[in-house]
Amino acid sequence: MEPTLHPADYILVFRPPKKILLGRGLIRREAIIVFAASIHSGETKQLFVKRVAAREGDTIRIESGRVLINNVAQGDVSAIYPNVGARRLDSWPSGRLTSGGVHIGPGNLFVLGDNRLSSTDSRSFGTITATQVEGIAVLCFHRDRAFSPSLSRLD
């Protein structure tokens, strides 16, 4: 499977006012979002582009490489698993992702990168708050190796 985004790609990000973004349920599961976070406490925040795996009220668990939301296995059609074992998919401090799972608290999101084996995501820095979201990716401008651009919707 091909990654959704490549390093040379451009994305069009919908950036409504925070009140609209947070109040109208625009941040849904599987949405690709842009948000600011720091990997380690005290570090400068950087922008990330990740997929929303779980929202407020959900419980996420990873079992044998499968993502389960509220005990329902997800299709994971966007996830890729390259043959590079950079780290385990189910890594999380104290093993909570593999035991009872992680319950997502009010106003929080759990994000995962599509390249699950080497992504820096909520397994690294924990859940993010919905207020950290800068926008939602709605369109991708792909540049392939032959330099012929193409567009695809990200929904």
C-alpha atoms as a PDB file:
ATOM      1  CA  MET A   1       0.000   0.000   0.000  1.00  0.00           C
ATOM      2  CA  GLU A   2       1.195   3.508  -0.780  1.00  0.00           C
ATOM      3  CA  PRO A   3       1.479   6.165   1.949  1.00  0.00           C
ATOM      4  CA  THR A   4      -1.228   8.834   1.832  1.00  0.00           C
ATOM      5  CA  LEU A   5       1.330  11.643   1.807  1.00  0.00           C
ATOM      6  CA  HIS A   6       4.898  11.785   0.526  1.00  0.00           C
ATOM      7  CA  PRO A   7       7.601  14.303   1.532  1.00  0.00           C
ATOM      8  CA  ALA A   8       7.258  16.274  -1.737  1.00  0.00           C
ATOM      9  CA  ASP A   9       3.447  16.494  -1.533  1.00  0.00           C
ATOM     10  CA  TYR A  10       1.493  19.622  -0.706  1.00  0.00           C
ATOM     11  CA  ILE A  11      -1.759  19.623   1.222  1.00  0.00           C
ATOM     12  CA  LEU A  12      -4.605  22.107   1.297  1.00  0.00           C
ATOM     13  CA  VAL A  13      -5.660  22.639   4.896  1.00  0.00           C
ATOM     14  CA  PHE A  14      -9.088  23.912   5.925  1.00  0.00           C
ATOM     15  CA  ARG A  15      -8.489  26.311   8.836  1.00  0.00           C
ATOM     16  CA  PRO A  16     -11.808  27.598  10.135  1.00  0.00           C
ATOM     17  CA  PRO A  17     -11.969  29.614  13.352  1.00  0.00           C
ATOM     18  CA  LYS A  18     -11.383  27.361  16.390  1.00  0.00           C
ATOM     19  CA  LYS A  19     -14.967  27.894  17.545  1.00  0.00           C
ATOM     20  CA  ILE A  20     -16.306  26.358  14.320  1.00  0.00           C
ATOM     21  CA  LEU A  21     -13.622  23.661  14.117  1.00  0.00           C
ATOM     22  CA  LEU A  22     -14.315  22.418  17.629  1.00  0.00           C
ATOM     23  CA  GLY A  23     -18.027  23.130  17.915  1.00  0.00           C
ATOM     24  CA  ARG A  24     -19.322  21.508  14.726  1.00  0.00           C
ATOM     25  CA  GLY A  25     -17.784  18.048  14.979  1.00  0.00           C
ATOM     26  CA  LEU A  26     -15.465  18.634  12.014  1.00  0.00           C
ATOM     27  CA  ILE A  27     -12.672  16.593  13.578  1.00  0.00           C
ATOM     28  CA  ARG A  28     -13.856  13.056  12.928  1.00  0.00           C
ATOM     29  CA  ARG A  29     -12.177   9.665  13.085  1.00  0.00           C
ATOM     30  CA  GLU A  30      -9.932   8.989  10.071  1.00  0.00           C
ATOM     31  CA  ALA A  31      -9.580  12.726   9.308  1.00  0.00           C
ATOM     32  CA  ILE A  32      -6.072  13.905   8.488  1.00  0.00           C
ATOM     33  CA  ILE A  33      -5.270  16.862  10.700  1.00  0.00           C
ATOM     34  CA  VAL A  34      -2.457  19.349  11.169  1.00  0.00           C
ATOM     35  CA  PHE A  35      -1.587  20.139  14.779  1.00  0.00           C
ATOM     36  CA  ALA A  36       1.185  21.588  16.919  1.00  0.00           C
ATOM     37  CA  ALA A  37       2.864  19.420  19.561  1.00  0.00           C
ATOM     38  CA  SER A  38       6.199  18.832  21.216  1.00  0.00           C
ATOM     39  CA  ILE A  39       7.541  15.293  21.441  1.00  0.00           C
ATOM     40  CA  HIS A  40       9.249  15.842  24.798  1.00  0.00           C
ATOM     41  CA  SER A  41       8.218  18.191  27.589  1.00  0.00           C
ATOM     42  CA  GLY A  42       9.832  21.590  27.261  1.00  0.00           C
ATOM     43  CA  GLU A  43      10.726  21.205  23.582  1.00  0.00           C
ATOM     44  CA  THR A  44       9.627  23.640  20.921  1.00  0.00           C
ATOM     45  CA  LYS A  45       6.345  22.670  19.306  1.00  0.00           C
ATOM     46  CA  GLN A  46       6.375  21.530  15.709  1.00  0.00           C
ATOM     47  CA  LEU A  47       3.640  20.868  13.178  1.00  0.00           C
ATOM     48  CA  PHE A  48       2.525  17.285  12.560  1.00  0.00           C
ATOM     49  CA  VAL A  49       0.200  15.783   9.953  1.00  0.00           C
ATOM     50  CA  LYS A  50      -1.526  12.666  11.333  1.00  0.00           C
ATOM     51  CA  ARG A  51      -4.761  10.700  11.107  1.00  0.00           C
ATOM     52  CA  VAL A  52      -7.319  10.840  13.953  1.00  0.00           C
ATOM     53  CA  ALA A  53      -7.632   7.284  15.294  1.00  0.00           C
ATOM     54  CA  ALA A  54      -9.824   7.930  18.346  1.00  0.00           C
ATOM     55  CA  ARG A  55     -11.841  10.813  19.722  1.00  0.00           C
ATOM     56  CA  GLU A  56     -13.178  11.887  23.077  1.00  0.00           C
ATOM     57  CA  GLY A  57     -15.064   9.041  24.776  1.00  0.00           C
ATOM     58  CA  ASP A  58     -13.420   6.294  22.681  1.00  0.00           C
ATOM     59  CA  THR A  59     -11.190   3.543  24.031  1.00  0.00           C
ATOM     60  CA  ILE A  60      -8.317   2.572  21.756  1.00  0.00           C
ATOM     61  CA  ARG A  61      -6.403  -0.668  21.961  1.00  0.00           C
ATOM     62  CA  ILE A  62      -3.823  -2.260  19.681  1.00  0.00           C
ATOM     63  CA  GLU A  63      -3.805  -6.027  19.609  1.00  0.00           C
ATOM     64  CA  SER A  64      -1.559  -8.097  17.312  1.00  0.00           C
ATOM     65  CA  GLY A  65      -1.052  -5.063  15.078  1.00  0.00           C
ATOM     66  CA  ARG A  66      -4.796  -4.317  14.728  1.00  0.00           C
ATOM     67  CA  VAL A  67      -6.317  -1.081  15.976  1.00  0.00           C
ATOM     68  CA  LEU A  68      -9.501  -1.571  17.994  1.00  0.00           C
ATOM     69  CA  ILE A  69     -11.784   1.341  18.840  1.00  0.00           C
ATOM     70  CA  ASN A  70     -14.375   0.551  21.504  1.00  0.00           C
ATOM     71  CA  ASN A  71     -13.536  -3.165  20.977  1.00  0.00           C
ATOM     72  CA  VAL A  72     -14.293  -3.000  17.228  1.00  0.00           C
ATOM     73  CA  ALA A  73     -11.412  -3.786  14.847  1.00  0.00           C
ATOM     74  CA  GLN A  74     -10.778  -0.974  12.381  1.00  0.00           C
ATOM     75  CA  GLY A  75     -10.251  -1.510   8.667  1.00  0.00           C
ATOM     76  CA  ASP A  76      -6.936   0.384   8.718  1.00  0.00           C
ATOM     77  CA  VAL A  77      -7.014   0.749   4.949  1.00  0.00           C
ATOM     78  CA  SER A  78      -4.731   3.769   5.120  1.00  0.00           C
ATOM     79  CA  ALA A  79      -2.060   2.150   7.312  1.00  0.00           C
ATOM     80  CA  ILE A  80       1.120   0.823   5.817  1.00  0.00           C
ATOM     81  CA  TYR A  81       3.513  -1.601   7.444  1.00  0.00           C
ATOM     82  CA  PRO A  82       6.901  -1.456   5.732  1.00  0.00           C
ATOM     83  CA  ASN A  83       9.435  -4.201   6.279  1.00  0.00           C
ATOM     84  CA  VAL A  84      11.467  -1.874   8.450  1.00  0.00           C
ATOM     85  CA  GLY A  85      10.946  -2.824  12.090  1.00  0.00           C
ATOM     86  CA  ALA A  86      11.692   0.589  13.582  1.00  0.00           C
ATOM     87  CA  ARG A  87       9.528  -0.136  16.631  1.00  0.00           C
ATOM     88  CA  ARG A  88       6.541  -2.094  17.771  1.00  0.00           C
ATOM     89  CA  LEU A  89       3.103  -0.927  16.693  1.00  0.00           C
ATOM     90  CA  ASP A  90       1.614  -1.448  20.130  1.00  0.00           C
ATOM     91  CA  SER A  91       4.212   0.523  22.099  1.00  0.00           C
ATOM     92  CA  TRP A  92       2.841   2.788  24.803  1.00  0.00           C
ATOM     93  CA  PRO A  93       4.087   3.559  28.298  1.00  0.00           C
ATOM     94  CA  SER A  94       3.028   0.838  30.793  1.00  0.00           C
ATOM     95  CA  GLY A  95       1.528  -1.379  28.060  1.00  0.00           C
ATOM     96  CA  ARG A  96      -1.936   0.198  28.348  1.00  0.00           C
ATOM     97  CA  LEU A  97      -2.509   0.001  24.598  1.00  0.00           C
ATOM     98  CA  THR A  98      -2.288  -3.788  24.685  1.00  0.00           C
ATOM     99  CA  SER A  99      -4.062  -4.486  27.975  1.00  0.00           C
ATOM    100  CA  GLY A 100      -7.264  -2.577  28.727  1.00  0.00           C
ATOM    101  CA  GLY A 101      -6.637   0.144  26.194  1.00  0.00           C
ATOM    102  CA  VAL A 102      -6.479   3.903  26.554  1.00  0.00           C
ATOM    103  CA  HIS A 103      -9.679   5.855  27.222  1.00  0.00           C
ATOM    104  CA  ILE A 104      -9.683   9.216  25.447  1.00  0.00           C
ATOM    105  CA  GLY A 105     -10.730  11.964  27.811  1.00  0.00           C
ATOM    106  CA  PRO A 106     -12.879  15.038  27.118  1.00  0.00           C
ATOM    107  CA  GLY A 107     -11.481  17.334  24.445  1.00  0.00           C
ATOM    108  CA  ASN A 108      -8.677  14.919  23.471  1.00  0.00           C
ATOM    109  CA  LEU A 109      -7.689  13.011  20.339  1.00  0.00           C
ATOM    110  CA  PHE A 110      -5.464   9.992  19.716  1.00  0.00           C
ATOM    111  CA  VAL A 111      -3.575  10.303  16.433  1.00  0.00           C
ATOM    112  CA  LEU A 112      -1.623   7.744  14.412  1.00  0.00           C
ATOM    113  CA  GLY A 113       0.596   8.109  11.375  1.00  0.00           C
ATOM    114  CA  ASP A 114      -0.222   5.974   8.361  1.00  0.00           C
ATOM    115  CA  ASN A 115       3.315   4.559   8.409  1.00  0.00           C
ATOM    116  CA  ARG A 116       2.588   2.754  11.676  1.00  0.00           C
ATOM    117  CA  LEU A 117       5.994   1.187  12.284  1.00  0.00           C
ATOM    118  CA  SER A 118       8.014   4.396  12.153  1.00  0.00           C
ATOM    119  CA  SER A 119       5.572   7.203  12.940  1.00  0.00           C
ATOM    120  CA  THR A 120       5.939   9.693  15.765  1.00  0.00           C
ATOM    121  CA  ASP A 121       2.353   9.977  16.999  1.00  0.00           C
ATOM    122  CA  SER A 122       0.188   9.583  20.123  1.00  0.00           C
ATOM    123  CA  ARG A 123       2.130   6.446  21.011  1.00  0.00           C
ATOM    124  CA  SER A 124       5.140   8.768  21.447  1.00  0.00           C
ATOM    125  CA  PHE A 125       3.695  11.974  22.884  1.00  0.00           C
ATOM    126  CA  GLY A 126       0.278  10.880  24.182  1.00  0.00           C
ATOM    127  CA  THR A 127      -3.111  12.267  23.305  1.00  0.00           C
ATOM    128  CA  ILE A 128      -3.447  15.788  21.980  1.00  0.00           C
ATOM    129  CA  THR A 129      -6.114  18.324  22.838  1.00  0.00           C
ATOM    130  CA  ALA A 130      -8.562  19.337  20.145  1.00  0.00           C
ATOM    131  CA  THR A 131      -7.422  22.950  20.650  1.00  0.00           C
ATOM    132  CA  GLN A 132      -3.974  21.978  19.281  1.00  0.00           C
ATOM    133  CA  VAL A 133      -5.539  21.258  15.883  1.00  0.00           C
ATOM    134  CA  GLU A 134      -4.607  23.897  13.332  1.00  0.00           C
ATOM    135  CA  GLY A 135      -6.766  22.515  10.535  1.00  0.00           C
ATOM    136  CA  ILE A 136      -8.034  19.558   8.538  1.00  0.00           C
ATOM    137  CA  ALA A 137      -6.325  18.374   5.347  1.00  0.00           C
ATOM    138  CA  VAL A 138      -8.879  18.338   2.541  1.00  0.00           C
ATOM    139  CA  LEU A 139      -6.856  18.002  -0.648  1.00  0.00           C
ATOM    140  CA  CYS A 140      -3.427  16.625  -1.525  1.00  0.00           C
ATOM    141  CA  PHE A 141      -1.284  17.685  -4.452  1.00  0.00           C
ATOM    142  CA  HIS A 142       0.802  14.581  -5.277  1.00  0.00           C
ATOM    143  CA  ARG A 143       4.051  14.764  -7.172  1.00  0.00           C
ATOM    144  CA  ASP A 144       5.151  11.408  -8.474  1.00  0.00           C
ATOM    145  CA  ARG A 145       8.577  10.414  -9.724  1.00  0.00           C
ATOM    146  CA  ALA A 146       7.773  11.515 -13.266  1.00  0.00           C
ATOM    147  CA  PHE A 147       6.833  14.984 -11.971  1.00  0.00           C
ATOM    148  CA  SER A 148       3.286  14.726 -13.248  1.00  0.00           C
ATOM    149  CA  PRO A 149       1.106  16.155 -10.488  1.00  0.00           C
ATOM    150  CA  SER A 150      -2.219  14.741  -9.467  1.00  0.00           C
ATOM    151  CA  LEU A 151      -4.871  15.737  -6.943  1.00  0.00           C
ATOM    152  CA  SER A 152      -6.773  13.591  -4.481  1.00  0.00           C
ATOM    153  CA  ARG A 153      -9.396  14.327  -1.863  1.00  0.00           C
ATOM    154  CA  LEU A 154      -8.506  13.347   1.673  1.00  0.00           C
ATOM    155  CA  ASP A 155     -11.879  12.214   2.991  1.00  0.00           C
END
